[in-house]
C-alpha cells in the first residue's frame, strides 16, 4: 500500500487506487485498479488460467552499505537508463516473456520507473535491471557472454542509489533456489527479511503458446 501511494503521487502510471475500511482511522487497506480501467480486465473472469507459484526471499539494500560496494571496472562501462527500444531484447531474454502482452508490460516499466543498464560499444544493452509498480528491483539480467565481469553488482548498486534518491526503498525478492543472485546480495550486505514471499502467477490459457 505504501508503494502504491508513492506511485500515485508520481503520476499513477498503472492506474491504481487505495481504499480503506473507514476514515480517518482505518484498520484495513486495499489497493486495486481504478474503476475506469476495470472493464479492460472483465473478460479474464471467464477465462481459464494456468497458475504458477514461486517462493522467494525478500531483501532490502540499505543506502549506508552501498558505499561499500564501490569498485572500478576497466574499462569503465557505459551506465545509462533503458529506453523503450530495448524492450524487445528484454522480452526475448525473460523466462516469462515472449508475448505482445509482456512486451507492452516491459515498455510500461521502462517508461514509468527507474532502470539501469550497461551498453556495449554499439549502444546495445548487455546487462540491466528494472523496477516495477511495486518499487521492486526486478529483471536483473546479463547476456551470457558478458557474465562474471561484475556487471550485476554495478547495476544493482547504482539502481539502488537511484531509487533512494527518488524516495523509494531499494528492495526486491529473489527465488530461494537462485544461488548466484543470493550470493551477490549477501556480498552487498543486503538485509533479508525473516519471512518469504509467495507470488502466484496466473497466465490465461489463451496467451500460452499453442503446440504446433
N, C-alpha and C. Protein backbone atom coordinates (compact mmCIF):
# COMPACT_ATOMS: atom_id res chain seq x y z
N UNK A 1 0.82 -1.19 0.00
CA UNK A 1 0.00 0.00 0.00
C UNK A 1 0.86 1.25 0.00
N UNK A 2 1.96 1.22 0.77
CA UNK A 2 2.87 2.37 0.83
C UNK A 2 3.45 2.66 -0.54
N UNK A 3 3.87 1.59 -1.25
CA UNK A 3 4.45 1.77 -2.57
C UNK A 3 3.40 2.27 -3.56
N UNK A 4 2.16 1.80 -3.43
CA UNK A 4 1.10 2.26 -4.31
C UNK A 4 0.87 3.75 -4.15
N UNK A 5 0.87 4.24 -2.91
CA UNK A 5 0.71 5.68 -2.67
C UNK A 5 1.86 6.46 -3.29
N UNK A 6 3.10 5.93 -3.15
CA UNK A 6 4.25 6.59 -3.77
C UNK A 6 4.05 6.73 -5.28
N UNK A 7 3.59 5.66 -5.91
CA UNK A 7 3.40 5.69 -7.36
C UNK A 7 2.23 6.59 -7.77
N UNK A 8 1.17 6.63 -6.97
CA UNK A 8 0.05 7.52 -7.26
C UNK A 8 0.52 8.97 -7.22
N UNK A 9 1.38 9.29 -6.26
CA UNK A 9 1.91 10.65 -6.14
C UNK A 9 2.90 10.99 -7.25
N UNK A 10 3.32 9.99 -8.02
CA UNK A 10 4.26 10.21 -9.13
C UNK A 10 3.60 9.96 -10.48
N UNK A 11 2.31 10.27 -10.56
CA UNK A 11 1.62 10.19 -11.84
C UNK A 11 0.72 8.98 -12.01
N UNK A 12 0.81 8.03 -11.09
CA UNK A 12 -0.05 6.85 -11.11
C UNK A 12 -0.06 6.15 -12.46
N UNK A 13 1.11 5.71 -12.97
CA UNK A 13 1.18 5.13 -14.32
C UNK A 13 0.41 3.83 -14.49
N UNK A 14 0.19 3.08 -13.40
CA UNK A 14 -0.54 1.81 -13.52
C UNK A 14 -2.00 1.94 -13.07
N UNK A 15 -2.46 3.17 -12.91
CA UNK A 15 -3.89 3.44 -12.66
C UNK A 15 -4.42 2.67 -11.46
N UNK A 16 -3.75 2.84 -10.31
CA UNK A 16 -4.18 2.19 -9.08
C UNK A 16 -4.94 3.18 -8.19
N UNK A 17 -5.70 2.62 -7.24
CA UNK A 17 -6.34 3.42 -6.22
C UNK A 17 -6.25 2.67 -4.89
N UNK A 18 -6.35 3.42 -3.80
CA UNK A 18 -6.26 2.85 -2.45
C UNK A 18 -7.59 3.08 -1.75
N UNK A 19 -8.16 2.03 -1.16
CA UNK A 19 -9.40 2.16 -0.40
C UNK A 19 -9.17 1.63 1.01
N UNK A 20 -9.89 2.20 1.97
CA UNK A 20 -9.77 1.80 3.38
C UNK A 20 -11.16 1.51 3.93
N UNK A 21 -11.19 0.82 5.08
CA UNK A 21 -12.48 0.43 5.65
C UNK A 21 -13.17 1.59 6.36
N UNK A 22 -12.42 2.59 6.78
CA UNK A 22 -13.01 3.77 7.43
C UNK A 22 -11.99 4.90 7.36
N UNK A 23 -12.46 6.13 7.63
CA UNK A 23 -11.58 7.29 7.54
C UNK A 23 -11.98 8.32 8.59
N UNK A 24 -11.04 8.98 9.25
CA UNK A 24 -9.59 8.97 9.02
C UNK A 24 -8.83 7.82 9.71
N UNK A 25 -9.49 7.12 10.62
CA UNK A 25 -8.84 5.98 11.25
C UNK A 25 -9.29 4.71 10.54
N UNK A 26 -8.35 3.84 10.21
CA UNK A 26 -8.68 2.63 9.45
C UNK A 26 -7.84 1.46 9.92
N UNK A 27 -8.35 0.25 9.65
CA UNK A 27 -7.65 -0.97 10.03
C UNK A 27 -7.30 -1.84 8.81
N UNK A 28 -8.00 -1.64 7.72
CA UNK A 28 -7.78 -2.45 6.52
C UNK A 28 -7.51 -1.54 5.33
N UNK A 29 -6.53 -1.91 4.51
CA UNK A 29 -6.17 -1.14 3.32
C UNK A 29 -6.12 -2.09 2.13
N UNK A 30 -6.73 -1.69 1.01
CA UNK A 30 -6.72 -2.48 -0.21
C UNK A 30 -6.28 -1.59 -1.36
N UNK A 31 -5.41 -2.10 -2.21
CA UNK A 31 -5.06 -1.40 -3.44
C UNK A 31 -5.62 -2.18 -4.62
N UNK A 32 -6.09 -1.46 -5.62
CA UNK A 32 -6.72 -2.13 -6.76
C UNK A 32 -6.66 -1.21 -7.97
N UNK A 33 -7.04 -1.77 -9.12
CA UNK A 33 -7.14 -0.98 -10.34
C UNK A 33 -8.27 0.04 -10.21
N UNK A 34 -8.08 1.22 -10.81
CA UNK A 34 -9.14 2.20 -10.80
C UNK A 34 -10.37 1.67 -11.55
N UNK A 35 -11.53 2.13 -11.16
CA UNK A 35 -12.77 1.63 -11.75
C UNK A 35 -12.84 1.88 -13.25
N UNK A 36 -12.25 3.01 -13.72
CA UNK A 36 -12.37 3.32 -15.14
C UNK A 36 -11.56 2.38 -16.03
N UNK A 37 -10.60 1.64 -15.45
CA UNK A 37 -9.86 0.68 -16.27
C UNK A 37 -10.24 -0.76 -15.91
N UNK A 38 -11.18 -0.91 -15.00
CA UNK A 38 -11.57 -2.24 -14.55
C UNK A 38 -12.20 -3.05 -15.67
N UNK A 39 -12.97 -2.39 -16.54
CA UNK A 39 -13.66 -3.13 -17.58
C UNK A 39 -12.69 -3.80 -18.55
N UNK A 40 -11.45 -3.29 -18.63
CA UNK A 40 -10.46 -3.90 -19.52
C UNK A 40 -10.15 -5.33 -19.12
N UNK A 41 -10.32 -5.62 -17.82
CA UNK A 41 -9.97 -6.94 -17.31
C UNK A 41 -11.19 -7.82 -17.08
N UNK A 42 -12.38 -7.34 -17.44
CA UNK A 42 -13.58 -8.10 -17.15
C UNK A 42 -13.57 -9.47 -17.82
N UNK A 43 -13.03 -9.59 -19.05
CA UNK A 43 -13.10 -10.85 -19.77
C UNK A 43 -12.22 -11.92 -19.16
N UNK A 44 -11.25 -11.55 -18.27
CA UNK A 44 -10.44 -12.58 -17.62
C UNK A 44 -11.26 -13.42 -16.65
N UNK A 45 -12.41 -12.90 -16.22
CA UNK A 45 -13.21 -13.60 -15.22
C UNK A 45 -13.73 -14.94 -15.74
N UNK A 46 -13.90 -15.04 -17.02
CA UNK A 46 -14.46 -16.28 -17.58
C UNK A 46 -13.38 -17.04 -18.36
N UNK A 47 -12.13 -16.70 -18.11
CA UNK A 47 -11.03 -17.36 -18.81
C UNK A 47 -10.32 -18.33 -17.88
N UNK A 48 -9.97 -19.51 -18.38
CA UNK A 48 -9.21 -20.46 -17.58
C UNK A 48 -7.76 -20.03 -17.51
N UNK A 49 -7.13 -20.30 -16.35
CA UNK A 49 -5.77 -19.84 -16.12
C UNK A 49 -4.83 -21.01 -15.86
N UNK A 50 -3.58 -20.81 -16.20
CA UNK A 50 -2.50 -21.69 -15.80
C UNK A 50 -1.77 -21.00 -14.65
N UNK A 51 -1.72 -21.61 -13.47
CA UNK A 51 -1.16 -20.97 -12.29
C UNK A 51 0.24 -21.51 -11.98
N UNK A 52 1.10 -20.60 -11.55
CA UNK A 52 2.46 -20.96 -11.16
C UNK A 52 2.79 -20.22 -9.87
N UNK A 53 3.14 -20.95 -8.83
CA UNK A 53 3.51 -20.34 -7.55
C UNK A 53 5.02 -20.37 -7.39
N UNK A 54 5.57 -19.24 -6.97
CA UNK A 54 7.01 -19.16 -6.71
C UNK A 54 7.24 -18.68 -5.30
N UNK A 55 8.28 -19.20 -4.67
CA UNK A 55 8.63 -18.84 -3.30
C UNK A 55 9.97 -18.11 -3.32
N UNK A 56 10.01 -16.94 -2.68
CA UNK A 56 11.21 -16.12 -2.78
C UNK A 56 11.54 -15.48 -1.44
N UNK A 57 12.81 -15.09 -1.29
CA UNK A 57 13.26 -14.31 -0.16
C UNK A 57 13.08 -12.83 -0.47
N UNK A 58 12.76 -12.03 0.54
CA UNK A 58 12.62 -10.58 0.38
C UNK A 58 13.89 -9.93 0.92
N UNK A 59 14.45 -8.99 0.14
CA UNK A 59 15.67 -8.33 0.58
C UNK A 59 15.52 -6.82 0.51
N UNK A 60 16.36 -6.13 1.28
CA UNK A 60 16.43 -4.67 1.29
C UNK A 60 17.89 -4.27 1.22
N UNK A 61 18.20 -3.31 0.36
CA UNK A 61 19.54 -2.76 0.27
C UNK A 61 19.56 -1.42 1.00
N UNK A 62 20.33 -1.34 2.08
CA UNK A 62 20.41 -0.13 2.89
C UNK A 62 21.41 0.83 2.27
N UNK A 63 21.03 2.10 2.16
CA UNK A 63 21.89 3.08 1.49
C UNK A 63 23.26 3.17 2.15
N UNK A 64 23.30 3.06 3.46
CA UNK A 64 24.57 3.20 4.19
C UNK A 64 25.60 2.17 3.73
N UNK A 65 25.14 0.98 3.35
CA UNK A 65 26.06 -0.09 2.98
C UNK A 65 26.44 -0.05 1.50
N UNK A 66 25.73 0.76 0.70
CA UNK A 66 26.01 0.76 -0.73
C UNK A 66 27.38 1.30 -1.06
N UNK A 67 27.89 2.23 -0.21
CA UNK A 67 29.22 2.77 -0.47
C UNK A 67 30.30 1.70 -0.38
N UNK A 68 30.01 0.62 0.37
CA UNK A 68 30.98 -0.47 0.49
C UNK A 68 31.07 -1.31 -0.77
N UNK A 69 30.14 -1.08 -1.71
CA UNK A 69 30.11 -1.88 -2.93
C UNK A 69 30.76 -1.16 -4.12
N UNK A 70 31.39 -0.01 -3.83
CA UNK A 70 32.02 0.73 -4.90
C UNK A 70 33.27 -0.01 -5.39
N UNK A 71 33.42 -0.09 -6.67
CA UNK A 71 34.61 -0.71 -7.26
C UNK A 71 34.75 -0.20 -8.68
N UNK A 72 35.92 -0.35 -9.23
CA UNK A 72 36.19 0.17 -10.57
C UNK A 72 36.35 -0.97 -11.55
N UNK A 73 35.71 -0.79 -12.71
CA UNK A 73 35.88 -1.73 -13.80
C UNK A 73 36.67 -1.05 -14.90
N UNK A 74 37.62 -1.77 -15.46
CA UNK A 74 38.46 -1.22 -16.52
C UNK A 74 38.31 -2.08 -17.77
N UNK A 75 37.89 -1.45 -18.88
CA UNK A 75 37.48 -0.04 -19.00
C UNK A 75 36.13 0.21 -18.34
N UNK A 76 35.87 1.45 -17.95
CA UNK A 76 34.62 1.78 -17.27
C UNK A 76 33.44 1.58 -18.21
N UNK A 77 32.46 0.76 -17.83
CA UNK A 77 31.29 0.54 -18.71
C UNK A 77 30.40 1.77 -18.77
N UNK A 78 29.62 1.86 -19.82
CA UNK A 78 28.70 2.97 -20.00
C UNK A 78 27.38 2.66 -19.33
N UNK A 79 27.08 3.38 -18.25
CA UNK A 79 25.84 3.20 -17.50
C UNK A 79 24.80 4.22 -17.95
N UNK A 80 23.60 3.77 -18.16
CA UNK A 80 22.51 4.65 -18.54
C UNK A 80 21.19 3.98 -18.22
N UNK A 81 20.09 4.68 -18.43
CA UNK A 81 18.77 4.10 -18.24
C UNK A 81 18.32 3.40 -19.52
N UNK A 82 17.46 2.40 -19.36
CA UNK A 82 16.88 1.74 -20.52
C UNK A 82 15.89 2.67 -21.21
N UNK A 83 15.64 2.42 -22.50
CA UNK A 83 14.55 3.11 -23.18
C UNK A 83 13.67 2.09 -23.88
N UNK A 84 12.56 2.55 -24.40
CA UNK A 84 11.55 1.63 -24.95
C UNK A 84 12.09 0.78 -26.09
N UNK A 85 13.10 1.26 -26.81
CA UNK A 85 13.65 0.48 -27.92
C UNK A 85 14.35 -0.78 -27.45
N UNK A 86 14.69 -0.86 -26.16
CA UNK A 86 15.36 -2.04 -25.62
C UNK A 86 14.39 -3.13 -25.17
N UNK A 87 13.10 -2.83 -25.19
CA UNK A 87 12.11 -3.74 -24.61
C UNK A 87 12.08 -5.10 -25.32
N UNK A 88 12.30 -5.13 -26.61
CA UNK A 88 12.25 -6.41 -27.34
C UNK A 88 13.34 -7.36 -26.86
N UNK A 89 14.54 -6.83 -26.61
CA UNK A 89 15.62 -7.66 -26.09
C UNK A 89 15.26 -8.21 -24.72
N UNK A 90 14.70 -7.37 -23.86
CA UNK A 90 14.30 -7.83 -22.53
C UNK A 90 13.21 -8.88 -22.62
N UNK A 91 12.27 -8.68 -23.53
CA UNK A 91 11.17 -9.62 -23.70
C UNK A 91 11.67 -10.98 -24.17
N UNK A 92 12.66 -10.99 -25.04
CA UNK A 92 13.19 -12.24 -25.58
C UNK A 92 14.06 -13.01 -24.59
N UNK A 93 14.64 -12.31 -23.62
CA UNK A 93 15.52 -12.97 -22.65
C UNK A 93 14.83 -13.27 -21.33
N UNK A 94 13.59 -12.78 -21.16
CA UNK A 94 12.84 -13.00 -19.92
C UNK A 94 12.21 -14.39 -19.96
N UNK A 95 12.36 -15.13 -18.86
CA UNK A 95 11.85 -16.51 -18.82
C UNK A 95 10.35 -16.58 -18.99
N UNK A 96 9.62 -15.53 -18.63
CA UNK A 96 8.16 -15.50 -18.81
C UNK A 96 7.75 -14.55 -19.92
N UNK A 97 8.71 -14.10 -20.72
CA UNK A 97 8.42 -13.16 -21.79
C UNK A 97 8.13 -13.85 -23.10
N UNK A 98 8.16 -13.06 -24.16
CA UNK A 98 7.95 -13.60 -25.49
C UNK A 98 6.62 -13.25 -26.13
N UNK A 99 5.70 -12.67 -25.36
CA UNK A 99 4.38 -12.33 -25.90
C UNK A 99 4.25 -10.82 -26.06
N UNK A 100 3.23 -10.41 -26.83
CA UNK A 100 2.96 -8.99 -27.01
C UNK A 100 2.57 -8.33 -25.68
N UNK A 101 1.84 -9.09 -24.85
CA UNK A 101 1.44 -8.55 -23.55
C UNK A 101 2.65 -8.26 -22.68
N UNK A 102 3.62 -9.18 -22.68
CA UNK A 102 4.84 -8.97 -21.91
C UNK A 102 5.64 -7.79 -22.44
N UNK A 103 5.67 -7.64 -23.75
CA UNK A 103 6.39 -6.53 -24.37
C UNK A 103 5.79 -5.19 -23.94
N UNK A 104 4.46 -5.10 -23.96
CA UNK A 104 3.79 -3.86 -23.54
C UNK A 104 4.06 -3.58 -22.06
N UNK A 105 4.05 -4.65 -21.26
CA UNK A 105 4.31 -4.51 -19.83
C UNK A 105 5.72 -3.96 -19.60
N UNK A 106 6.71 -4.51 -20.30
CA UNK A 106 8.09 -4.07 -20.13
C UNK A 106 8.28 -2.63 -20.60
N UNK A 107 7.63 -2.27 -21.71
CA UNK A 107 7.71 -0.89 -22.18
C UNK A 107 7.16 0.06 -21.13
N UNK A 108 6.05 -0.34 -20.51
CA UNK A 108 5.45 0.49 -19.47
C UNK A 108 6.39 0.67 -18.29
N UNK A 109 7.05 -0.43 -17.88
CA UNK A 109 8.00 -0.33 -16.77
C UNK A 109 9.15 0.59 -17.13
N UNK A 110 9.71 0.42 -18.33
CA UNK A 110 10.86 1.23 -18.74
C UNK A 110 10.50 2.71 -18.79
N UNK A 111 9.30 3.02 -19.27
CA UNK A 111 8.90 4.41 -19.44
C UNK A 111 8.48 5.08 -18.13
N UNK A 112 8.06 4.28 -17.16
CA UNK A 112 7.46 4.85 -15.94
C UNK A 112 8.35 4.79 -14.71
N UNK A 113 9.29 3.84 -14.65
CA UNK A 113 10.03 3.61 -13.42
C UNK A 113 11.53 3.58 -13.66
N UNK A 114 12.32 3.78 -12.59
CA UNK A 114 13.79 3.80 -12.74
C UNK A 114 14.33 2.48 -13.28
N UNK A 115 15.36 2.58 -14.10
CA UNK A 115 16.04 1.41 -14.64
C UNK A 115 17.51 1.75 -14.82
N UNK A 116 18.31 0.74 -15.07
CA UNK A 116 19.74 0.93 -15.26
C UNK A 116 20.24 -0.15 -16.20
N UNK A 117 21.18 0.22 -17.09
CA UNK A 117 21.76 -0.78 -17.97
C UNK A 117 23.19 -0.40 -18.33
N UNK A 118 23.92 -1.37 -18.84
CA UNK A 118 25.26 -1.17 -19.38
C UNK A 118 25.19 -1.41 -20.88
N UNK A 119 25.73 -0.47 -21.64
CA UNK A 119 25.70 -0.57 -23.10
C UNK A 119 27.05 -1.02 -23.63
N UNK A 120 27.02 -1.80 -24.71
CA UNK A 120 28.26 -2.17 -25.36
C UNK A 120 28.70 -1.07 -26.32
N UNK A 121 29.75 -1.32 -27.09
CA UNK A 121 30.28 -0.29 -27.99
C UNK A 121 29.32 0.08 -29.10
N UNK A 122 28.31 -0.75 -29.33
CA UNK A 122 27.31 -0.47 -30.36
C UNK A 122 26.05 0.17 -29.79
N UNK A 123 26.03 0.43 -28.49
CA UNK A 123 24.87 1.04 -27.86
C UNK A 123 23.77 0.07 -27.51
N UNK A 124 24.09 -1.23 -27.48
CA UNK A 124 23.10 -2.25 -27.12
C UNK A 124 23.26 -2.68 -25.66
N UNK A 125 22.16 -2.87 -24.93
CA UNK A 125 22.27 -3.32 -23.53
C UNK A 125 22.88 -4.72 -23.43
N UNK A 126 23.80 -4.89 -22.49
CA UNK A 126 24.37 -6.21 -22.23
C UNK A 126 24.09 -6.66 -20.79
N UNK A 127 23.67 -5.73 -19.95
CA UNK A 127 23.31 -6.04 -18.56
C UNK A 127 22.33 -4.98 -18.10
N UNK A 128 21.31 -5.38 -17.31
CA UNK A 128 20.30 -4.40 -16.94
C UNK A 128 19.54 -4.81 -15.68
N UNK A 129 18.81 -3.83 -15.15
CA UNK A 129 17.92 -4.04 -14.02
C UNK A 129 16.79 -3.03 -14.08
N UNK A 130 15.59 -3.44 -13.68
CA UNK A 130 14.42 -2.56 -13.71
C UNK A 130 13.77 -2.49 -12.33
N UNK A 131 12.77 -1.64 -12.23
CA UNK A 131 11.87 -1.65 -11.08
C UNK A 131 10.44 -1.69 -11.61
N UNK A 132 9.54 -2.22 -10.78
CA UNK A 132 8.15 -2.35 -11.23
C UNK A 132 7.24 -1.45 -10.43
N UNK A 133 5.92 -1.63 -10.60
CA UNK A 133 4.94 -0.77 -9.96
C UNK A 133 4.89 -0.95 -8.45
N UNK A 134 5.56 -1.98 -7.95
CA UNK A 134 5.65 -2.19 -6.51
C UNK A 134 6.98 -1.72 -5.95
N UNK A 135 7.73 -0.94 -6.75
CA UNK A 135 9.07 -0.46 -6.39
C UNK A 135 10.01 -1.61 -6.07
N UNK A 136 9.82 -2.71 -6.78
CA UNK A 136 10.66 -3.90 -6.60
C UNK A 136 11.74 -3.93 -7.67
N UNK A 137 12.97 -4.15 -7.26
CA UNK A 137 14.06 -4.31 -8.21
C UNK A 137 13.91 -5.67 -8.89
N UNK A 138 13.71 -5.67 -10.20
CA UNK A 138 13.38 -6.90 -10.92
C UNK A 138 14.15 -6.98 -12.23
N UNK A 139 13.99 -8.11 -12.91
CA UNK A 139 14.51 -8.32 -14.26
C UNK A 139 16.01 -8.07 -14.37
N UNK A 140 16.74 -8.35 -13.30
CA UNK A 140 18.19 -8.25 -13.40
C UNK A 140 18.73 -9.35 -14.31
N UNK A 141 19.48 -8.96 -15.32
CA UNK A 141 19.94 -9.95 -16.30
C UNK A 141 21.19 -9.44 -17.00
N UNK A 142 22.11 -10.37 -17.28
CA UNK A 142 23.30 -10.08 -18.07
C UNK A 142 23.39 -11.12 -19.19
N UNK A 143 23.65 -10.67 -20.41
CA UNK A 143 23.79 -11.60 -21.51
C UNK A 143 24.92 -12.59 -21.20
N UNK A 144 24.73 -13.88 -21.54
CA UNK A 144 25.66 -14.93 -21.12
C UNK A 144 27.14 -14.64 -21.39
N UNK A 145 27.49 -14.11 -22.55
CA UNK A 145 28.90 -13.92 -22.87
C UNK A 145 29.54 -12.75 -22.12
N UNK A 146 28.73 -11.98 -21.38
CA UNK A 146 29.24 -10.84 -20.63
C UNK A 146 29.18 -11.07 -19.12
N UNK A 147 28.93 -12.28 -18.69
CA UNK A 147 28.81 -12.57 -17.27
C UNK A 147 30.17 -12.72 -16.60
N UNK A 148 30.15 -12.70 -15.26
CA UNK A 148 31.35 -12.84 -14.42
C UNK A 148 32.32 -11.68 -14.64
N UNK A 149 31.75 -10.49 -14.85
CA UNK A 149 32.56 -9.28 -15.00
C UNK A 149 32.20 -8.21 -13.98
N UNK A 150 31.29 -8.54 -13.06
CA UNK A 150 30.88 -7.58 -12.03
C UNK A 150 29.76 -6.65 -12.46
N UNK A 151 29.14 -6.93 -13.60
CA UNK A 151 28.10 -6.03 -14.10
C UNK A 151 26.85 -6.04 -13.22
N UNK A 152 26.44 -7.21 -12.74
CA UNK A 152 25.23 -7.28 -11.90
C UNK A 152 25.38 -6.45 -10.63
N UNK A 153 26.56 -6.52 -10.02
CA UNK A 153 26.80 -5.73 -8.81
C UNK A 153 26.74 -4.23 -9.14
N UNK A 154 27.34 -3.85 -10.24
CA UNK A 154 27.34 -2.44 -10.63
C UNK A 154 25.93 -1.94 -10.90
N UNK A 155 25.14 -2.75 -11.61
CA UNK A 155 23.75 -2.37 -11.90
C UNK A 155 22.95 -2.26 -10.60
N UNK A 156 23.03 -3.28 -9.74
CA UNK A 156 22.24 -3.29 -8.50
C UNK A 156 22.60 -2.13 -7.60
N UNK A 157 23.88 -1.82 -7.49
CA UNK A 157 24.32 -0.72 -6.62
C UNK A 157 23.81 0.62 -7.12
N UNK A 158 23.97 0.88 -8.41
CA UNK A 158 23.56 2.17 -8.95
C UNK A 158 22.05 2.31 -9.05
N UNK A 159 21.35 1.21 -9.32
CA UNK A 159 19.89 1.27 -9.35
C UNK A 159 19.34 1.52 -7.95
N UNK A 160 19.94 0.88 -6.94
CA UNK A 160 19.51 1.10 -5.55
C UNK A 160 19.72 2.55 -5.15
N UNK A 161 20.86 3.14 -5.53
CA UNK A 161 21.10 4.54 -5.21
C UNK A 161 20.11 5.45 -5.91
N UNK A 162 19.77 5.13 -7.16
CA UNK A 162 18.78 5.91 -7.89
C UNK A 162 17.43 5.85 -7.18
N UNK A 163 17.03 4.66 -6.73
CA UNK A 163 15.76 4.52 -6.03
C UNK A 163 15.74 5.34 -4.75
N UNK A 164 16.82 5.26 -3.97
CA UNK A 164 16.90 6.04 -2.73
C UNK A 164 16.80 7.54 -3.02
N UNK A 165 17.44 8.00 -4.09
CA UNK A 165 17.43 9.42 -4.40
C UNK A 165 16.03 9.91 -4.80
N UNK A 166 15.16 8.99 -5.28
CA UNK A 166 13.81 9.35 -5.68
C UNK A 166 12.78 9.09 -4.58
N UNK A 167 13.26 8.67 -3.41
CA UNK A 167 12.36 8.45 -2.29
C UNK A 167 11.78 7.06 -2.19
N UNK A 168 12.25 6.14 -3.04
CA UNK A 168 11.77 4.76 -3.00
C UNK A 168 12.73 3.90 -2.17
N UNK A 169 12.22 2.85 -1.55
CA UNK A 169 13.12 1.89 -0.91
C UNK A 169 13.80 1.04 -1.98
N UNK A 170 14.99 0.55 -1.69
CA UNK A 170 15.68 -0.37 -2.59
C UNK A 170 15.44 -1.78 -2.07
N UNK A 171 14.45 -2.45 -2.65
CA UNK A 171 14.06 -3.75 -2.15
C UNK A 171 13.61 -4.62 -3.31
N UNK A 172 13.49 -5.92 -3.03
CA UNK A 172 13.07 -6.84 -4.06
C UNK A 172 12.92 -8.24 -3.50
N UNK A 173 12.82 -9.21 -4.38
CA UNK A 173 12.73 -10.60 -3.95
C UNK A 173 13.51 -11.46 -4.93
N UNK A 174 14.01 -12.56 -4.43
CA UNK A 174 14.82 -13.47 -5.24
C UNK A 174 14.44 -14.90 -4.90
N UNK A 175 14.31 -15.74 -5.92
CA UNK A 175 13.92 -17.12 -5.69
C UNK A 175 14.90 -17.82 -4.76
N UNK A 176 14.37 -18.64 -3.88
CA UNK A 176 15.20 -19.26 -2.86
C UNK A 176 16.24 -20.22 -3.42
N UNK A 177 16.03 -20.73 -4.64
CA UNK A 177 16.99 -21.65 -5.23
C UNK A 177 17.86 -20.99 -6.30
N UNK A 178 17.76 -19.66 -6.40
CA UNK A 178 18.55 -18.92 -7.38
C UNK A 178 19.84 -18.45 -6.70
N UNK A 179 20.83 -19.32 -6.65
CA UNK A 179 22.02 -19.09 -5.84
C UNK A 179 22.89 -17.91 -6.29
N UNK A 180 23.13 -17.69 -7.59
CA UNK A 180 24.00 -16.57 -7.98
C UNK A 180 23.56 -15.21 -7.43
N UNK A 181 22.27 -14.80 -7.63
CA UNK A 181 21.88 -13.51 -7.07
C UNK A 181 21.83 -13.52 -5.54
N UNK A 182 21.52 -14.65 -4.93
CA UNK A 182 21.56 -14.72 -3.47
C UNK A 182 22.97 -14.46 -2.96
N UNK A 183 23.96 -15.08 -3.59
CA UNK A 183 25.35 -14.87 -3.20
C UNK A 183 25.76 -13.42 -3.40
N UNK A 184 25.34 -12.83 -4.53
CA UNK A 184 25.66 -11.43 -4.80
C UNK A 184 25.06 -10.52 -3.75
N UNK A 185 23.78 -10.72 -3.44
CA UNK A 185 23.10 -9.85 -2.47
C UNK A 185 23.73 -9.95 -1.08
N UNK A 186 24.12 -11.15 -0.69
CA UNK A 186 24.77 -11.31 0.60
C UNK A 186 26.10 -10.58 0.64
N UNK A 187 26.84 -10.61 -0.48
CA UNK A 187 28.12 -9.91 -0.53
C UNK A 187 27.93 -8.40 -0.53
N UNK A 188 26.71 -7.93 -0.87
CA UNK A 188 26.40 -6.50 -0.86
C UNK A 188 25.77 -6.06 0.46
N UNK A 189 25.80 -6.95 1.47
CA UNK A 189 25.24 -6.65 2.79
C UNK A 189 23.74 -6.39 2.75
N UNK A 190 23.05 -7.06 1.83
CA UNK A 190 21.59 -6.92 1.78
C UNK A 190 20.97 -7.51 3.04
N UNK A 191 19.91 -6.88 3.50
CA UNK A 191 19.16 -7.36 4.66
C UNK A 191 18.01 -8.24 4.17
N UNK A 192 17.96 -9.47 4.63
CA UNK A 192 16.88 -10.39 4.24
C UNK A 192 15.84 -10.43 5.36
N UNK A 193 14.59 -10.21 5.00
CA UNK A 193 13.53 -10.22 6.00
C UNK A 193 13.26 -11.64 6.48
N UNK A 194 12.82 -11.79 7.73
CA UNK A 194 12.58 -13.13 8.30
C UNK A 194 11.26 -13.72 7.84
N UNK A 195 10.97 -13.62 6.57
CA UNK A 195 9.75 -14.17 6.00
C UNK A 195 10.02 -14.45 4.53
N UNK A 196 9.09 -15.10 3.89
CA UNK A 196 9.23 -15.38 2.47
C UNK A 196 8.04 -14.83 1.70
N UNK A 197 8.26 -14.63 0.44
CA UNK A 197 7.28 -14.00 -0.44
C UNK A 197 6.76 -15.04 -1.42
N UNK A 198 5.47 -15.19 -1.49
CA UNK A 198 4.85 -16.13 -2.42
C UNK A 198 4.16 -15.34 -3.52
N UNK A 199 4.58 -15.58 -4.76
CA UNK A 199 3.96 -14.92 -5.90
C UNK A 199 3.19 -15.96 -6.70
N UNK A 200 1.90 -15.73 -6.90
CA UNK A 200 1.06 -16.63 -7.69
C UNK A 200 0.82 -15.98 -9.04
N UNK A 201 1.38 -16.57 -10.08
CA UNK A 201 1.31 -16.01 -11.42
C UNK A 201 0.22 -16.73 -12.21
N UNK A 202 -0.77 -15.99 -12.67
CA UNK A 202 -1.86 -16.55 -13.47
C UNK A 202 -1.69 -16.13 -14.93
N UNK A 203 -1.60 -17.09 -15.79
CA UNK A 203 -1.50 -16.81 -17.23
C UNK A 203 -2.71 -17.41 -17.92
N UNK A 204 -3.54 -16.58 -18.58
CA UNK A 204 -4.69 -17.14 -19.31
C UNK A 204 -4.23 -18.14 -20.37
N UNK A 205 -4.94 -19.25 -20.48
CA UNK A 205 -4.57 -20.27 -21.45
C UNK A 205 -4.53 -19.71 -22.87
N UNK A 206 -5.35 -18.70 -23.13
CA UNK A 206 -5.37 -18.13 -24.47
C UNK A 206 -4.08 -17.41 -24.82
N UNK A 207 -3.27 -17.10 -23.79
CA UNK A 207 -2.00 -16.41 -24.03
C UNK A 207 -0.82 -17.37 -24.04
N UNK A 208 -1.05 -18.62 -23.69
CA UNK A 208 0.03 -19.59 -23.70
C UNK A 208 0.33 -20.04 -25.13
N UNK A 209 1.58 -20.40 -25.36
CA UNK A 209 1.93 -20.89 -26.69
C UNK A 209 1.19 -22.19 -27.00
N UNK A 210 0.58 -22.26 -28.16
CA UNK A 210 -0.15 -23.45 -28.56
C UNK A 210 0.79 -24.41 -29.27
N UNK A 211 0.67 -25.70 -28.97
CA UNK A 211 1.54 -26.68 -29.66
C UNK A 211 1.26 -26.69 -31.16
N UNK A 212 2.35 -26.82 -31.91
CA UNK A 212 2.21 -26.84 -33.37
C UNK A 212 1.65 -28.17 -33.86
